[in-house]
Amino acid sequence: MNTPVSHHPKEEMLLEFSAGTLESVPSMCVSVHLHFCERCRAKVSQLNELGAEIFAEQNSISVNDDALDKLFARIDGEQLAQAPSNKQDDGSGFPQLVQKLVAKTNGPKWKKLTSSLDVARLATGQDKFEVALHRICAGGKTHNHSHSGKEYTVVLSGSFSDEDGIYKPGDFLIRRAGESHQPMGAKNGECICFSALESPIRLPGVLGWLMRPFLRLHPV
């Protein structure tokens, strides 16, 4: 039996996703969340039906040049989000959207950031966010850090916690500029997350100065 998802995108974000107006990377993160979350899938379905009814009532409307591309991207995202899950470290059991991104690099290319944290960057064809998998080892504690921009995170497997709560598969989080926290992996196993980072994180003191070259973003 799947563990209920506790942390969700706000309804306004789901509305943008349904309308096809959400930016590509946040839309990816919502799609990954939908893979796990029956509640949000149902909500998006309701929004889609409402949008279809409104559309049918209009005689004619003007749309942006890229509206059709966004519509197909949203449909694709919803189909990917409903694929079955069997989460494994090679990426074969992740949501299908994540599988496709992992396949572009022939499997996760893990690089160690700290003794507790590994990263595998993913190619998405955009230059605003660094999209990556992050893996926290069992019981591992990351450095306390703050954010200089938005970070979207969806837990894929395992769990982690910080000062604000415990996060399990499917949980969707947004950290914004100025917020700080210290994630810690659960002791019973490693945690893997799908993350999109808009700006580099900030570490305090001398450590932050020393680590700055390693914290630069690499959107691909």
Foldseek 3Di string as FASTA:
>chain_A
DADAADAADDLVQLLCLLQLNDDDVVNLLNLQLLLRHPVSLVVSVVSNVVVVVVVVPDPDDDDDPCSVVSVVVSVVSSVQSNDAADDDQQLPRGRVVSSVQQVVVPTFPWDDPDPFKIWGWTADPDDQKTKIKMKGWAFHKAAKWFAQAKKKKAWGAAWKAWPPGIGHHSHIDIHGHPDIIMITGHNVGMTMMIMIHRAFIAGDDPVRVVCVVVRGGDHD
